[in-house]
Amino acid sequence: MKLLLNRIVLCFVFLLIVNAVASQEIPKYDYLEIIVVQKANNSGKVKRIKVQEQKSLEGKQITIKEIEDLEGTSDLLNYMNAANWEFVDRQSVVSEENDPVWMSYIFRKRKY
């Protein structure tokens, strides 16, 4: 009887450990960088959206051409949101007062 009870407790502890390990798995993401070039003195009007070939685009429903055909940052954010890409970060680079502003938008999508 004692041996049976020990086995049941051991199986129960094993199941708890497996459950704890599975729940702590780190989710994996694909990251995508999109460069938006904006005019400096025209209230942020977008001149161009540029996407380089990236491994995270392979096998996805979105394409570089579709992204680069968008006209503004709100269109970009809406498009990426509709494709289930989550906005993560934005960084900008301004060199001179009248030079274009380079914006780097980072998006991520959970790998399934």
C-alpha atoms as a PDB file:
ATOM      1  CA  MET A   1       0.000   0.000   0.000  1.00  0.00           C
ATOM      2  CA  LYS A   2       2.845   2.344   0.879  1.00  0.00           C
ATOM      3  CA  LEU A   3       4.555   1.614  -2.460  1.00  0.00           C
ATOM      4  CA  LEU A   4       1.365   2.435  -4.382  1.00  0.00           C
ATOM      5  CA  LEU A   5       0.957   5.696  -2.494  1.00  0.00           C
ATOM      6  CA  ASN A   6       4.575   6.637  -3.232  1.00  0.00           C
ATOM      7  CA  ARG A   7       4.060   5.985  -6.962  1.00  0.00           C
ATOM      8  CA  ILE A   8       0.894   8.095  -7.053  1.00  0.00           C
ATOM      9  CA  VAL A   9       2.636  10.978  -5.287  1.00  0.00           C
ATOM     10  CA  LEU A  10       5.636  10.649  -7.610  1.00  0.00           C
ATOM     11  CA  CYS A  11       3.391  10.733 -10.710  1.00  0.00           C
ATOM     12  CA  PHE A  12       1.549  13.760  -9.331  1.00  0.00           C
ATOM     13  CA  VAL A  13       4.813  15.637  -8.695  1.00  0.00           C
ATOM     14  CA  PHE A  14       6.049  14.735 -12.187  1.00  0.00           C
ATOM     15  CA  LEU A  15       2.846  16.123 -13.765  1.00  0.00           C
ATOM     16  CA  LEU A  16       3.193  19.348 -11.783  1.00  0.00           C
ATOM     17  CA  ILE A  17       6.793  19.801 -12.926  1.00  0.00           C
ATOM     18  CA  VAL A  18       5.896  19.177 -16.582  1.00  0.00           C
ATOM     19  CA  ASN A  19       3.038  21.654 -16.350  1.00  0.00           C
ATOM     20  CA  ALA A  20       5.273  24.311 -14.767  1.00  0.00           C
ATOM     21  CA  VAL A  21       7.962  23.904 -17.440  1.00  0.00           C
ATOM     22  CA  ALA A  22       5.438  24.090 -20.277  1.00  0.00           C
ATOM     23  CA  SER A  23       3.826  27.244 -18.881  1.00  0.00           C
ATOM     24  CA  GLN A  24       7.192  29.034 -18.660  1.00  0.00           C
ATOM     25  CA  GLU A  25       8.091  28.537 -22.319  1.00  0.00           C
ATOM     26  CA  ILE A  26       9.336  31.770 -23.888  1.00  0.00           C
ATOM     27  CA  PRO A  27       7.268  32.794 -26.924  1.00  0.00           C
ATOM     28  CA  LYS A  28       9.230  33.175 -30.160  1.00  0.00           C
ATOM     29  CA  TYR A  29       8.684  36.145 -32.470  1.00  0.00           C
ATOM     30  CA  ASP A  30       9.539  37.234 -35.990  1.00  0.00           C
ATOM     31  CA  TYR A  31      10.746  40.845 -36.095  1.00  0.00           C
ATOM     32  CA  LEU A  32      10.368  43.189 -39.059  1.00  0.00           C
ATOM     33  CA  GLU A  33      11.969  46.613 -39.576  1.00  0.00           C
ATOM     34  CA  ILE A  34      10.324  49.145 -41.857  1.00  0.00           C
ATOM     35  CA  ILE A  35      12.026  52.445 -42.740  1.00  0.00           C
ATOM     36  CA  VAL A  36       9.812  55.496 -43.262  1.00  0.00           C
ATOM     37  CA  VAL A  37      11.411  58.613 -44.768  1.00  0.00           C
ATOM     38  CA  GLN A  38       9.541  61.808 -43.908  1.00  0.00           C
ATOM     39  CA  LYS A  39       9.991  65.388 -45.067  1.00  0.00           C
ATOM     40  CA  ALA A  40      11.452  67.562 -42.341  1.00  0.00           C
ATOM     41  CA  ASN A  41       9.562  70.826 -42.881  1.00  0.00           C
ATOM     42  CA  ASN A  42       6.259  69.520 -44.192  1.00  0.00           C
ATOM     43  CA  SER A  43       4.617  68.378 -40.928  1.00  0.00           C
ATOM     44  CA  GLY A  44       5.890  64.817 -41.231  1.00  0.00           C
ATOM     45  CA  LYS A  45       4.542  64.034 -44.699  1.00  0.00           C
ATOM     46  CA  VAL A  46       5.861  60.642 -45.816  1.00  0.00           C
ATOM     47  CA  LYS A  47       8.208  60.696 -48.795  1.00  0.00           C
ATOM     48  CA  ARG A  48       8.855  56.962 -48.989  1.00  0.00           C
ATOM     49  CA  ILE A  49       8.411  53.688 -47.128  1.00  0.00           C
ATOM     50  CA  LYS A  50      11.312  51.270 -47.582  1.00  0.00           C
ATOM     51  CA  VAL A  51      11.465  47.604 -46.612  1.00  0.00           C
ATOM     52  CA  GLN A  52      14.562  45.498 -47.116  1.00  0.00           C
ATOM     53  CA  GLU A  53      14.300  41.773 -47.806  1.00  0.00           C
ATOM     54  CA  GLN A  54      14.110  40.103 -44.392  1.00  0.00           C
ATOM     55  CA  LYS A  55      13.868  36.487 -43.327  1.00  0.00           C
ATOM     56  CA  SER A  56      10.825  37.263 -41.177  1.00  0.00           C
ATOM     57  CA  LEU A  57       8.800  37.986 -44.358  1.00  0.00           C
ATOM     58  CA  GLU A  58       9.244  34.485 -45.763  1.00  0.00           C
ATOM     59  CA  GLY A  59       5.943  32.628 -45.874  1.00  0.00           C
ATOM     60  CA  LYS A  60       3.905  35.606 -44.616  1.00  0.00           C
ATOM     61  CA  GLN A  61       0.813  37.109 -46.230  1.00  0.00           C
ATOM     62  CA  ILE A  62       2.275  40.612 -46.383  1.00  0.00           C
ATOM     63  CA  THR A  63       4.681  41.643 -49.126  1.00  0.00           C
ATOM     64  CA  ILE A  64       7.335  44.314 -49.525  1.00  0.00           C
ATOM     65  CA  LYS A  65       5.488  45.834 -52.506  1.00  0.00           C
ATOM     66  CA  GLU A  66       2.241  46.206 -50.543  1.00  0.00           C
ATOM     67  CA  ILE A  67       4.045  47.883 -47.653  1.00  0.00           C
ATOM     68  CA  GLU A  68       6.029  50.244 -49.883  1.00  0.00           C
ATOM     69  CA  ASP A  69       2.827  51.283 -51.723  1.00  0.00           C
ATOM     70  CA  LEU A  70       1.304  52.662 -48.491  1.00  0.00           C
ATOM     71  CA  GLU A  71       1.089  56.446 -48.330  1.00  0.00           C
ATOM     72  CA  GLY A  72       1.385  57.304 -44.634  1.00  0.00           C
ATOM     73  CA  THR A  73       2.350  56.052 -41.216  1.00  0.00           C
ATOM     74  CA  SER A  74      -1.280  55.604 -40.141  1.00  0.00           C
ATOM     75  CA  ASP A  75      -1.845  53.429 -43.232  1.00  0.00           C
ATOM     76  CA  LEU A  76       1.271  51.443 -42.312  1.00  0.00           C
ATOM     77  CA  LEU A  77       0.143  50.889 -38.721  1.00  0.00           C
ATOM     78  CA  ASN A  78      -3.383  49.900 -39.809  1.00  0.00           C
ATOM     79  CA  TYR A  79      -2.024  47.505 -42.457  1.00  0.00           C
ATOM     80  CA  MET A  80       0.368  45.809 -40.037  1.00  0.00           C
ATOM     81  CA  ASN A  81      -2.315  45.595 -37.343  1.00  0.00           C
ATOM     82  CA  ALA A  82      -4.709  43.954 -39.811  1.00  0.00           C
ATOM     83  CA  ALA A  83      -1.992  41.391 -40.630  1.00  0.00           C
ATOM     84  CA  ASN A  84      -1.547  40.640 -36.876  1.00  0.00           C
ATOM     85  CA  TRP A  85       1.861  42.286 -36.537  1.00  0.00           C
ATOM     86  CA  GLU A  86       2.367  44.065 -33.211  1.00  0.00           C
ATOM     87  CA  PHE A  87       4.061  47.484 -33.120  1.00  0.00           C
ATOM     88  CA  VAL A  88       7.090  47.359 -30.785  1.00  0.00           C
ATOM     89  CA  ASP A  89       9.275  50.442 -31.209  1.00  0.00           C
ATOM     90  CA  ARG A  90      10.053  53.493 -33.317  1.00  0.00           C
ATOM     91  CA  GLN A  91      13.353  55.336 -33.593  1.00  0.00           C
ATOM     92  CA  SER A  92      14.203  58.392 -35.644  1.00  0.00           C
ATOM     93  CA  VAL A  93      17.375  59.854 -37.107  1.00  0.00           C
ATOM     94  CA  VAL A  94      17.622  63.542 -37.997  1.00  0.00           C
ATOM     95  CA  SER A  95      20.948  64.810 -39.323  1.00  0.00           C
ATOM     96  CA  GLU A  96      20.314  68.433 -40.359  1.00  0.00           C
ATOM     97  CA  GLU A  97      17.375  70.800 -40.012  1.00  0.00           C
ATOM     98  CA  ASN A  98      16.164  70.497 -43.624  1.00  0.00           C
ATOM     99  CA  ASP A  99      17.183  66.859 -44.207  1.00  0.00           C
ATOM    100  CA  PRO A 100      14.557  64.116 -44.313  1.00  0.00           C
ATOM    101  CA  VAL A 101      13.703  62.296 -41.088  1.00  0.00           C
ATOM    102  CA  TRP A 102      14.433  58.555 -41.156  1.00  0.00           C
ATOM    103  CA  MET A 103      12.044  56.581 -38.946  1.00  0.00           C
ATOM    104  CA  SER A 104      12.628  52.923 -38.103  1.00  0.00           C
ATOM    105  CA  TYR A 105       9.436  51.054 -37.162  1.00  0.00           C
ATOM    106  CA  ILE A 106       9.855  47.644 -35.530  1.00  0.00           C
ATOM    107  CA  PHE A 107       7.015  45.107 -35.596  1.00  0.00           C
ATOM    108  CA  ARG A 108       6.823  41.578 -34.237  1.00  0.00           C
ATOM    109  CA  LYS A 109       4.646  38.569 -34.910  1.00  0.00           C
ATOM    110  CA  ARG A 110       4.376  35.459 -32.800  1.00  0.00           C
ATOM    111  CA  LYS A 111       5.753  32.323 -34.475  1.00  0.00           C
ATOM    112  CA  TYR A 112       3.304  29.443 -34.481  1.00  0.00           C
END
